[in-house]
Amino acid sequence: MEIGYKLAAEAFGPAELVRQAVLAEEAGFDFVEISDHYHPWLDNQGHSPFAWTVLGSIAAKTSRIGLATGVTCPTVRYHPAIIAQAAATLALVSEGRFVLGLGSGERLNEHVVGQGFPDSVRIRHEMFREALEIIRLLWSGGYRSYDGKHLRLEDARVFDLPEELPLIAVAASGKASTRIAAELGDGLFATEDKPEIVRDYRDAGGSGPRYAEVPMAWAADEHTAARAALDTSRWAVTGWKVMSELPNPVNFDAATTTVREEDILEKFACGTDPARYLEVAQKFVDAGFDRLVMQNAGPDPEGFIDFYQRALDGPMRQLKANGT
């Protein structure tokens, strides 16, 4: 079991994210994972810095903690050749601490470059497969070209490659995406505690590490924590089918007007009771995940990190799937 800390790039500026990563290393987290967005989910979150710049700064200011994108879409806003180069560079400057989390993307971030974002999930998956193939091709060294149905590469070479290439964790939510993760990735990434995601991944031949984000909101009392999560993170209860489709923060605001504090309390671990945090995390362990990312939506990240170090680190690492 490894435990990560989610750097909420939609909620904090770049310098603060770097500061939190340093605190996370000092608190004993195994890795930090940062979202790679162009927009926040909601306008009142107020931030969305360039994830790759933030990760480079974190690599320079830390020495042990792992780094990961959670996740990057390498098909529209970025060409996969750029991600292949960026990931290789980050692996080098972090001395092998980087994991490349990749996914098929959300309209929220990908439409901004004016090339459109496919309405068809099938086409998104076709593009994503091609992007993964291009990244793998470039990482094999030499000048490479690729002529796909959706994506192309012409005489490109990544000159600076690490001896050990970054692990690629592929985001999945259903059978089609778990198959891509098993066939073209080194690991799995998910945001829901559904056992069928891991089961489908394994059935497709996947055997790598399995990352999942655990929803939490720390504050001095449960109500304050839940209200903070409701204010900035209510989008998380909408599910992936909604999260991948809406184009702008204003649409997420409109789509979540009916979310209640009770809905947050049902999904998130809120407040200061360690038992509730372990209860929520246990669902992901039972579903088959072995890389748990603490995703704090509370108002005090430093307080949460301190709480984790004092009350959760040991018990969280001892969690085992029921029946094992």
Protein backbone atom coordinates (compact mmCIF):
# COMPACT_ATOMS: atom_id res chain seq x y z
CA MET A 1 0.00 0.00 0.00
CA GLU A 2 1.23 3.46 -0.93
CA ILE A 3 -0.42 6.70 0.17
CA GLY A 4 -0.47 9.87 -1.90
CA TYR A 5 -1.57 13.46 -1.38
CA LYS A 6 -3.70 15.22 -4.00
CA LEU A 7 -2.50 18.65 -5.02
CA ALA A 8 -5.74 20.40 -5.93
CA ALA A 9 -4.53 22.66 -8.73
CA GLU A 10 -8.05 24.07 -9.16
CA ALA A 11 -8.08 25.39 -5.60
CA PHE A 12 -4.56 26.75 -5.02
CA GLY A 13 -1.94 28.80 -6.84
CA PRO A 14 1.40 27.33 -7.96
CA ALA A 15 3.56 28.51 -5.04
CA GLU A 16 1.06 27.13 -2.52
CA LEU A 17 0.94 23.78 -4.31
CA VAL A 18 4.72 23.53 -4.10
CA ARG A 19 4.57 24.39 -0.39
CA GLN A 20 1.98 21.66 0.19
CA ALA A 21 4.12 19.12 -1.65
CA VAL A 22 7.06 19.91 0.62
CA LEU A 23 4.81 19.49 3.67
CA ALA A 24 3.50 16.21 2.26
CA GLU A 25 7.03 14.87 1.93
CA GLU A 26 7.81 15.87 5.52
CA ALA A 27 4.59 14.17 6.70
CA GLY A 28 5.56 10.84 5.13
CA PHE A 29 3.35 10.65 2.05
CA ASP A 30 4.75 8.40 -0.66
CA PHE A 31 3.78 10.62 -3.59
CA VAL A 32 1.87 13.71 -4.63
CA GLU A 33 -0.55 13.73 -7.54
CA ILE A 34 -1.60 16.90 -9.35
CA SER A 35 -4.56 17.48 -11.64
CA ASP A 36 -3.66 18.76 -15.11
CA HIS A 37 -6.41 21.27 -15.91
CA TYR A 38 -6.82 24.42 -17.96
CA HIS A 39 -9.97 25.45 -16.02
CA PRO A 40 -11.08 24.77 -12.46
CA TRP A 41 -14.29 22.78 -11.99
CA LEU A 42 -15.99 25.82 -10.44
CA ASP A 43 -15.10 29.51 -10.78
CA ASN A 44 -14.98 29.97 -7.01
CA GLN A 45 -12.09 27.52 -6.80
CA GLY A 46 -10.18 30.28 -8.52
CA HIS A 47 -7.01 28.59 -9.82
CA SER A 48 -5.58 26.34 -12.51
CA PRO A 49 -1.79 26.73 -12.94
CA PHE A 50 0.25 24.77 -15.46
CA ALA A 51 0.80 21.41 -13.81
CA TRP A 52 4.14 20.66 -15.49
CA THR A 53 5.78 23.85 -14.23
CA VAL A 54 4.53 23.11 -10.71
CA LEU A 55 5.87 19.54 -10.86
CA GLY A 56 9.28 20.75 -11.99
CA SER A 57 9.46 23.12 -9.04
CA ILE A 58 8.38 20.35 -6.67
CA ALA A 59 11.07 18.06 -8.07
CA ALA A 60 13.67 20.73 -7.31
CA LYS A 61 12.46 21.34 -3.75
CA THR A 62 11.95 17.74 -2.63
CA SER A 63 14.21 14.71 -2.52
CA ARG A 64 12.14 11.61 -1.82
CA ILE A 65 8.45 11.98 -2.60
CA GLY A 66 7.04 10.63 -5.85
CA LEU A 67 5.30 12.85 -8.41
CA ALA A 68 2.35 12.05 -10.64
CA THR A 69 -0.12 13.66 -12.99
CA GLY A 70 -3.70 12.79 -12.18
CA VAL A 71 -4.38 12.87 -15.07
CA THR A 72 -3.13 14.38 -18.33
CA CYS A 73 -5.02 14.09 -21.63
CA PRO A 74 -2.51 13.66 -24.50
CA THR A 75 -4.85 14.04 -27.49
CA VAL A 76 -6.26 17.57 -28.01
CA ARG A 77 -4.83 20.29 -25.76
CA TYR A 78 -1.47 18.52 -25.90
CA HIS A 79 -0.05 16.43 -28.73
CA PRO A 80 1.34 13.13 -27.37
CA ALA A 81 4.79 14.03 -28.68
CA ILE A 82 4.85 16.96 -26.25
CA ILE A 83 3.78 14.76 -23.34
CA ALA A 84 6.40 12.15 -24.25
CA GLN A 85 9.06 14.85 -24.06
CA ALA A 86 7.66 16.50 -20.92
CA ALA A 87 7.36 13.23 -19.02
CA ALA A 88 10.85 12.09 -19.98
CA THR A 89 12.29 15.41 -18.85
CA LEU A 90 10.42 15.32 -15.54
CA ALA A 91 11.58 11.77 -14.92
CA LEU A 92 15.17 12.96 -15.36
CA VAL A 93 15.01 16.07 -13.17
CA SER A 94 13.14 14.14 -10.44
CA GLU A 95 15.66 11.29 -10.65
CA GLY A 96 13.06 8.66 -11.44
CA ARG A 97 10.27 9.79 -9.13
CA PHE A 98 7.64 10.52 -11.77
CA VAL A 99 4.51 8.54 -12.75
CA LEU A 100 2.65 9.66 -15.87
CA GLY A 101 -1.09 9.51 -15.29
CA LEU A 102 -3.02 9.69 -18.58
CA GLY A 103 -6.69 9.75 -19.50
CA SER A 104 -9.01 10.41 -22.43
CA GLY A 105 -9.85 13.88 -21.09
CA GLU A 106 -12.70 16.22 -20.20
CA ARG A 107 -14.35 18.77 -22.44
CA LEU A 108 -13.76 21.32 -19.66
CA ASN A 109 -10.06 21.46 -20.50
CA GLU A 110 -9.69 20.15 -24.03
CA HIS A 111 -12.07 22.41 -25.96
CA VAL A 112 -10.00 25.52 -25.20
CA VAL A 113 -7.61 25.16 -28.15
CA GLY A 114 -10.47 25.42 -30.63
CA GLN A 115 -10.07 22.02 -32.28
CA GLY A 116 -13.22 20.60 -30.72
CA PHE A 117 -13.60 17.65 -28.36
CA PRO A 118 -15.26 14.54 -29.83
CA ASP A 119 -18.83 13.84 -28.71
CA SER A 120 -18.26 10.14 -29.24
CA VAL A 121 -16.53 8.29 -26.41
CA ARG A 122 -15.48 5.69 -28.97
CA ILE A 123 -13.55 8.29 -30.94
CA ARG A 124 -11.96 9.65 -27.76
CA HIS A 125 -10.76 6.16 -26.95
CA GLU A 126 -9.41 5.69 -30.48
CA MET A 127 -7.47 8.94 -30.15
CA PHE A 128 -6.24 7.96 -26.69
CA ARG A 129 -4.96 4.60 -27.95
CA GLU A 130 -3.05 6.34 -30.72
CA ALA A 131 -1.60 8.84 -28.25
CA LEU A 132 -0.34 6.05 -25.99
CA GLU A 133 1.19 4.29 -28.99
CA ILE A 134 2.97 7.50 -30.02
CA ILE A 135 4.37 8.05 -26.52
CA ARG A 136 5.63 4.47 -26.35
CA LEU A 137 7.12 4.80 -29.85
CA LEU A 138 9.02 7.97 -28.96
CA TRP A 139 10.25 6.43 -25.73
CA SER A 140 11.78 3.57 -27.70
CA GLY A 141 14.36 6.02 -29.04
CA GLY A 142 15.38 7.33 -32.44
CA TYR A 143 13.46 9.33 -35.02
CA ARG A 144 9.90 8.15 -35.29
CA SER A 145 6.84 8.74 -37.47
CA TYR A 146 3.26 7.61 -36.98
CA ASP A 147 0.26 7.81 -39.28
CA GLY A 148 -2.92 7.11 -37.33
CA LYS A 149 -6.59 7.60 -38.00
CA HIS A 150 -6.67 10.70 -35.76
CA LEU A 151 -3.08 11.58 -34.78
CA ARG A 152 0.17 11.87 -36.68
CA LEU A 153 3.86 12.16 -35.92
CA GLU A 154 6.58 13.19 -38.35
CA ASP A 155 10.30 12.55 -37.86
CA ALA A 156 10.27 13.24 -34.13
CA ARG A 157 12.80 12.17 -31.53
CA VAL A 158 12.95 12.67 -27.77
CA PHE A 159 16.67 13.15 -27.18
CA ASP A 160 16.70 13.13 -23.37
CA LEU A 161 15.31 9.80 -22.21
CA PRO A 162 15.78 8.34 -18.71
CA GLU A 163 17.30 4.89 -18.36
CA GLU A 164 14.10 3.82 -16.58
CA LEU A 165 11.00 5.15 -18.30
CA PRO A 166 8.12 6.53 -16.24
CA LEU A 167 5.31 4.19 -15.32
CA ILE A 168 2.10 5.08 -17.20
CA ALA A 169 -1.10 4.84 -15.14
CA VAL A 170 -4.19 4.97 -17.35
CA ALA A 171 -7.49 6.40 -16.09
CA ALA A 172 -10.48 4.12 -16.50
CA SER A 173 -14.15 3.99 -15.58
CA GLY A 174 -15.58 1.17 -17.73
CA LYS A 175 -14.64 -1.90 -19.75
CA ALA A 176 -13.37 -0.04 -22.80
CA SER A 177 -11.00 2.16 -20.82
CA THR A 178 -9.83 -0.64 -18.52
CA ARG A 179 -8.89 -2.59 -21.64
CA ILE A 180 -6.77 0.33 -22.82
CA ALA A 181 -5.14 0.50 -19.38
CA ALA A 182 -4.33 -3.20 -19.45
CA GLU A 183 -3.04 -3.24 -23.02
CA LEU A 184 -1.11 0.03 -23.24
CA GLY A 185 -0.51 1.18 -19.67
CA ASP A 186 1.57 0.02 -16.72
CA GLY A 187 -1.08 0.72 -14.10
CA LEU A 188 -4.66 1.82 -13.47
CA PHE A 189 -6.08 5.14 -12.27
CA ALA A 190 -9.68 5.68 -11.09
CA THR A 191 -11.83 8.03 -9.06
CA GLU A 192 -14.63 5.65 -8.06
CA ASP A 193 -14.70 2.77 -5.56
CA LYS A 194 -16.22 0.31 -8.03
CA PRO A 195 -14.81 -3.24 -7.79
CA GLU A 196 -15.71 -3.89 -11.43
CA ILE A 197 -13.10 -1.36 -12.57
CA VAL A 198 -10.26 -3.37 -11.05
CA ARG A 199 -11.91 -6.66 -12.01
CA ASP A 200 -12.24 -5.62 -15.66
CA TYR A 201 -8.64 -4.37 -15.63
CA ARG A 202 -7.37 -7.70 -14.35
CA ASP A 203 -9.60 -9.69 -16.72
CA ALA A 204 -8.03 -7.74 -19.60
CA GLY A 205 -4.56 -8.76 -18.42
CA GLY A 206 -3.67 -5.74 -16.28
CA SER A 207 -1.38 -6.42 -13.33
CA GLY A 208 0.12 -3.05 -12.40
CA PRO A 209 -0.45 -0.70 -9.45
CA ARG A 210 -3.97 0.64 -9.05
CA TYR A 211 -4.41 4.31 -8.10
CA ALA A 212 -7.61 5.82 -6.68
CA GLU A 213 -8.58 9.18 -5.20
CA VAL A 214 -10.29 9.00 -1.78
CA PRO A 215 -12.69 11.94 -1.11
CA MET A 216 -12.03 13.73 2.19
CA ALA A 217 -12.64 17.11 3.80
CA TRP A 218 -10.81 17.97 7.01
CA ALA A 219 -11.91 20.76 9.35
CA ALA A 220 -12.34 21.16 13.09
CA ASP A 221 -15.94 19.92 12.85
CA GLU A 222 -17.93 17.83 10.40
CA HIS A 223 -20.34 20.60 9.35
CA THR A 224 -17.55 23.06 8.49
CA ALA A 225 -15.74 20.40 6.48
CA ALA A 226 -18.87 19.37 4.59
CA ARG A 227 -19.81 22.97 3.79
CA ALA A 228 -16.33 23.62 2.42
CA ALA A 229 -16.54 20.53 0.20
CA LEU A 230 -20.02 21.53 -0.93
CA ASP A 231 -18.79 25.00 -1.85
CA THR A 232 -15.80 23.94 -3.95
CA SER A 233 -16.03 20.23 -4.68
CA ARG A 234 -19.71 19.36 -5.18
CA TRP A 235 -18.86 18.49 -8.80
CA ALA A 236 -17.30 15.28 -7.44
CA VAL A 237 -20.69 13.71 -6.75
CA THR A 238 -21.86 14.07 -10.37
CA GLY A 239 -19.99 11.02 -11.67
CA TRP A 240 -17.56 10.67 -14.56
CA LYS A 241 -20.16 10.78 -17.34
CA VAL A 242 -21.07 14.32 -16.29
CA MET A 243 -17.54 15.40 -15.39
CA SER A 244 -16.18 14.52 -18.83
CA GLU A 245 -18.84 16.36 -20.83
CA LEU A 246 -19.48 19.87 -19.48
CA PRO A 247 -17.46 22.64 -21.17
CA ASN A 248 -17.01 25.36 -18.52
CA PRO A 249 -17.10 26.01 -14.76
CA VAL A 250 -20.45 27.81 -15.12
CA ASN A 251 -21.95 24.57 -16.45
CA PHE A 252 -20.69 22.61 -13.44
CA ASP A 253 -22.14 25.29 -11.19
CA ALA A 254 -25.54 24.92 -12.85
CA ALA A 255 -25.39 21.12 -12.87
CA THR A 256 -24.70 20.91 -9.12
CA THR A 257 -27.26 23.33 -7.67
CA THR A 258 -29.24 20.46 -6.14
CA VAL A 259 -26.27 18.82 -4.38
CA ARG A 260 -26.86 18.93 -0.61
CA GLU A 261 -24.62 18.75 2.41
CA GLU A 262 -26.05 15.27 3.04
CA ASP A 263 -24.75 14.17 -0.36
CA ILE A 264 -21.27 15.35 0.56
CA LEU A 265 -21.37 13.57 3.92
CA GLU A 266 -22.38 10.35 2.19
CA LYS A 267 -19.42 10.43 -0.21
CA PHE A 268 -16.70 12.29 1.71
CA ALA A 269 -14.98 11.63 5.02
CA CYS A 270 -15.58 14.92 6.84
CA GLY A 271 -14.41 16.31 10.17
CA THR A 272 -11.88 14.85 12.60
CA ASP A 273 -12.94 11.25 13.27
CA PRO A 274 -10.19 8.94 11.95
CA ALA A 275 -12.65 6.03 11.84
CA ARG A 276 -14.72 7.76 9.16
CA TYR A 277 -11.64 8.39 7.01
CA LEU A 278 -10.63 4.75 7.29
CA GLU A 279 -14.20 3.68 6.49
CA VAL A 280 -14.22 5.64 3.22
CA ALA A 281 -10.72 4.45 2.30
CA GLN A 282 -11.67 0.84 3.05
CA LYS A 283 -14.19 0.92 0.18
CA PHE A 284 -11.38 1.59 -2.26
CA VAL A 285 -9.17 -1.09 -0.72
CA ASP A 286 -12.03 -3.59 -0.96
CA ALA A 287 -12.48 -2.58 -4.60
CA GLY A 288 -8.87 -3.63 -5.26
CA PHE A 289 -6.90 -0.37 -5.22
CA ASP A 290 -3.42 -0.30 -3.65
CA ARG A 291 -2.36 3.33 -4.25
CA LEU A 292 -4.68 5.59 -2.26
CA VAL A 293 -4.63 9.34 -2.91
CA MET A 294 -5.90 11.52 -0.06
CA GLN A 295 -8.07 14.15 -1.80
CA ASN A 296 -8.79 16.80 0.83
CA ALA A 297 -11.54 19.30 -0.04
CA GLY A 298 -11.47 20.93 3.38
CA PRO A 299 -10.51 24.57 4.01
CA ASP A 300 -7.17 23.93 5.76
CA PRO A 301 -4.63 21.81 3.84
CA GLU A 302 -1.93 22.25 6.46
CA GLY A 303 -4.35 21.10 9.17
CA PHE A 304 -5.26 18.07 7.08
CA ILE A 305 -1.62 17.10 6.51
CA ASP A 306 -0.98 17.35 10.25
CA PHE A 307 -4.11 15.27 10.95
CA TYR A 308 -3.01 12.64 8.46
CA GLN A 309 0.45 12.39 9.99
CA ARG A 310 -0.88 12.12 13.55
CA ALA A 311 -3.97 9.96 13.10
CA LEU A 312 -4.11 8.27 9.72
CA ASP A 313 -0.71 7.31 8.34
CA GLY A 314 -0.22 4.06 10.26
CA PRO A 315 -3.84 2.83 10.23
CA MET A 316 -4.29 3.72 6.55
CA ARG A 317 -1.27 1.65 5.55
CA GLN A 318 -2.60 -1.34 7.48
CA LEU A 319 -5.90 -1.48 5.57
CA LYS A 320 -6.46 -4.77 3.80
CA ALA A 321 -9.30 -5.93 1.60
CA ASN A 322 -12.02 -7.72 3.53
CA GLY A 323 -11.49 -11.45 3.30
CA THR A 324 -7.70 -11.23 2.99
